[in-house]
Amino acid sequence: MLLGVAAYCETQMVVGYGDILKRLEVVTTYLLVG
């Protein structure tokens, strides 16, 4: 049970990190173009 929760949290963290990177990329592109 605990392993499942830990794996779920880790997956959510990785997904969240990827989302943050995508947002940073969009913001950086917007600033460079703008």
PDB file of N, CA and C in Angstrom:
ATOM      1  N   MET A   1       0.831  -1.202   0.000  1.00  0.00           N
ATOM      2  CA  MET A   1       0.000   0.000   0.000  1.00  0.00           C
ATOM      3  C   MET A   1       0.874   1.263   0.000  1.00  0.00           C
ATOM      4  N   LEU A   2       1.832   1.305   0.941  1.00  0.00           N
ATOM      5  CA  LEU A   2       2.697   2.483   1.021  1.00  0.00           C
ATOM      6  C   LEU A   2       3.533   2.648  -0.246  1.00  0.00           C
ATOM      7  N   LEU A   3       3.989   1.519  -0.802  1.00  0.00           N
ATOM      8  CA  LEU A   3       4.785   1.598  -2.033  1.00  0.00           C
ATOM      9  C   LEU A   3       3.949   2.188  -3.163  1.00  0.00           C
ATOM     10  N   GLY A   4       2.681   1.792  -3.223  1.00  0.00           N
ATOM     11  CA  GLY A   4       1.797   2.314  -4.267  1.00  0.00           C
ATOM     12  C   GLY A   4       1.624   3.819  -4.125  1.00  0.00           C
ATOM     13  N   VAL A   5       1.451   4.268  -2.879  1.00  0.00           N
ATOM     14  CA  VAL A   5       1.285   5.709  -2.633  1.00  0.00           C
ATOM     15  C   VAL A   5       2.559   6.459  -3.003  1.00  0.00           C
ATOM     16  N   ALA A   6       3.709   5.903  -2.630  1.00  0.00           N
ATOM     17  CA  ALA A   6       4.988   6.549  -2.934  1.00  0.00           C
ATOM     18  C   ALA A   6       5.198   6.634  -4.447  1.00  0.00           C
ATOM     19  N   ALA A   7       4.876   5.550  -5.150  1.00  0.00           N
ATOM     20  CA  ALA A   7       5.035   5.538  -6.607  1.00  0.00           C
ATOM     21  C   ALA A   7       4.104   6.564  -7.242  1.00  0.00           C
ATOM     22  N   TYR A   8       2.880   6.671  -6.720  1.00  0.00           N
ATOM     23  CA  TYR A   8       1.910   7.634  -7.254  1.00  0.00           C
ATOM     24  C   TYR A   8       2.421   9.060  -7.053  1.00  0.00           C
ATOM     25  N   CYS A   9       2.923   9.349  -5.839  1.00  0.00           N
ATOM     26  CA  CYS A   9       3.439  10.687  -5.547  1.00  0.00           C
ATOM     27  C   CYS A   9       4.625  11.014  -6.451  1.00  0.00           C
ATOM     28  N   GLU A  10       5.492  10.027  -6.642  1.00  0.00           N
ATOM     29  CA  GLU A  10       6.673  10.246  -7.481  1.00  0.00           C
ATOM     30  C   GLU A  10       6.257  10.541  -8.920  1.00  0.00           C
ATOM     31  N   THR A  11       5.254   9.794  -9.404  1.00  0.00           N
ATOM     32  CA  THR A  11       4.765  10.012 -10.768  1.00  0.00           C
ATOM     33  C   THR A  11       4.174  11.405 -10.896  1.00  0.00           C
ATOM     34  N   GLN A  12       3.390  11.820  -9.910  1.00  0.00           N
ATOM     35  CA  GLN A  12       2.774  13.148  -9.939  1.00  0.00           C
ATOM     36  C   GLN A  12       3.851  14.230  -9.944  1.00  0.00           C
ATOM     37  N   MET A  13       4.920  14.021  -9.180  1.00  0.00           N
ATOM     38  CA  MET A  13       6.008  14.994  -9.135  1.00  0.00           C
ATOM     39  C   MET A  13       6.690  15.113 -10.491  1.00  0.00           C
ATOM     40  N   VAL A  14       6.937  13.969 -11.136  1.00  0.00           N
ATOM     41  CA  VAL A  14       7.590  13.973 -12.450  1.00  0.00           C
ATOM     42  C   VAL A  14       6.703  14.671 -13.476  1.00  0.00           C
ATOM     43  N   VAL A  15       5.402  14.366 -13.433  1.00  0.00           N
ATOM     44  CA  VAL A  15       4.463  14.990 -14.375  1.00  0.00           C
ATOM     45  C   VAL A  15       4.410  16.492 -14.126  1.00  0.00           C
ATOM     46  N   GLY A  16       4.364  16.886 -12.862  1.00  0.00           N
ATOM     47  CA  GLY A  16       4.325  18.310 -12.519  1.00  0.00           C
ATOM     48  C   GLY A  16       5.595  19.020 -12.975  1.00  0.00           C
ATOM     49  N   TYR A  17       6.749  18.358 -12.816  1.00  0.00           N
ATOM     50  CA  TYR A  17       8.027  18.933 -13.219  1.00  0.00           C
ATOM     51  C   TYR A  17       8.052  19.156 -14.729  1.00  0.00           C
ATOM     52  N   GLY A  18       7.542  18.166 -15.484  1.00  0.00           N
ATOM     53  CA  GLY A  18       7.489  18.293 -16.939  1.00  0.00           C
ATOM     54  C   GLY A  18       6.584  19.441 -17.344  1.00  0.00           C
ATOM     55  N   ASP A  19       5.474  19.609 -16.620  1.00  0.00           N
ATOM     56  CA  ASP A  19       4.534  20.684 -16.916  1.00  0.00           C
ATOM     57  C   ASP A  19       5.200  22.035 -16.679  1.00  0.00           C
ATOM     58  N   ILE A  20       5.981  22.128 -15.605  1.00  0.00           N
ATOM     59  CA  ILE A  20       6.687  23.377 -15.293  1.00  0.00           C
ATOM     60  C   ILE A  20       7.701  23.693 -16.391  1.00  0.00           C
ATOM     61  N   LEU A  21       8.417  22.677 -16.865  1.00  0.00           N
ATOM     62  CA  LEU A  21       9.404  22.887 -17.928  1.00  0.00           C
ATOM     63  C   LEU A  21       8.725  23.387 -19.198  1.00  0.00           C
ATOM     64  N   LYS A  22       7.555  22.809 -19.518  1.00  0.00           N
ATOM     65  CA  LYS A  22       6.821  23.240 -20.712  1.00  0.00           C
ATOM     66  C   LYS A  22       6.407  24.697 -20.576  1.00  0.00           C
ATOM     67  N   ARG A  23       5.928  25.071 -19.402  1.00  0.00           N
ATOM     68  CA  ARG A  23       5.503  26.462 -19.184  1.00  0.00           C
ATOM     69  C   ARG A  23       6.683  27.408 -19.301  1.00  0.00           C
ATOM     70  N   LEU A  24       7.827  27.017 -18.732  1.00  0.00           N
ATOM     71  CA  LEU A  24       9.022  27.856 -18.820  1.00  0.00           C
ATOM     72  C   LEU A  24       9.439  28.028 -20.281  1.00  0.00           C
ATOM     73  N   GLU A  25       9.327  26.934 -21.045  1.00  0.00           N
ATOM     74  CA  GLU A  25       9.703  26.994 -22.459  1.00  0.00           C
ATOM     75  C   GLU A  25       8.801  27.966 -23.206  1.00  0.00           C
ATOM     76  N   VAL A  26       7.493  27.896 -22.916  1.00  0.00           N
ATOM     77  CA  VAL A  26       6.533  28.793 -23.572  1.00  0.00           C
ATOM     78  C   VAL A  26       6.816  30.243 -23.191  1.00  0.00           C
ATOM     79  N   VAL A  27       7.053  30.483 -21.903  1.00  0.00           N
ATOM     80  CA  VAL A  27       7.328  31.849 -21.438  1.00  0.00           C
ATOM     81  C   VAL A  27       8.614  32.379 -22.058  1.00  0.00           C
ATOM     82  N   THR A  28       9.644  31.546 -22.110  1.00  0.00           N
ATOM     83  CA  THR A  28      10.927  31.963 -22.690  1.00  0.00           C
ATOM     84  C   THR A  28      10.763  32.309 -24.164  1.00  0.00           C
ATOM     85  N   THR A  29      10.044  31.450 -24.894  1.00  0.00           N
ATOM     86  CA  THR A  29       9.806  31.705 -26.318  1.00  0.00           C
ATOM     87  C   THR A  29       9.031  33.003 -26.504  1.00  0.00           C
ATOM     88  N   TYR A  30       8.017  33.212 -25.669  1.00  0.00           N
ATOM     89  CA  TYR A  30       7.193  34.424 -25.746  1.00  0.00           C
ATOM     90  C   TYR A  30       8.046  35.672 -25.513  1.00  0.00           C
ATOM     91  N   LEU A  31       8.927  35.603 -24.511  1.00  0.00           N
ATOM     92  CA  LEU A  31       9.786  36.750 -24.201  1.00  0.00           C
ATOM     93  C   LEU A  31      10.776  37.012 -25.333  1.00  0.00           C
ATOM     94  N   LEU A  32      11.346  35.952 -25.907  1.00  0.00           N
ATOM     95  CA  LEU A  32      12.315  36.120 -26.990  1.00  0.00           C
ATOM     96  C   LEU A  32      11.648  36.702 -28.229  1.00  0.00           C
ATOM     97  N   VAL A  33      10.451  36.196 -28.551  1.00  0.00           N
ATOM     98  CA  VAL A  33       9.737  36.668 -29.740  1.00  0.00           C
ATOM     99  C   VAL A  33       9.205  38.075 -29.495  1.00  0.00           C
ATOM    100  N   GLY A  34       8.664  38.306 -28.304  1.00  0.00           N
ATOM    101  CA  GLY A  34       8.066  39.594 -27.984  1.00  0.00           C
ATOM    102  C   GLY A  34       9.147  40.639 -27.766  1.00  0.00           C
TER     103      GLY A  34
END
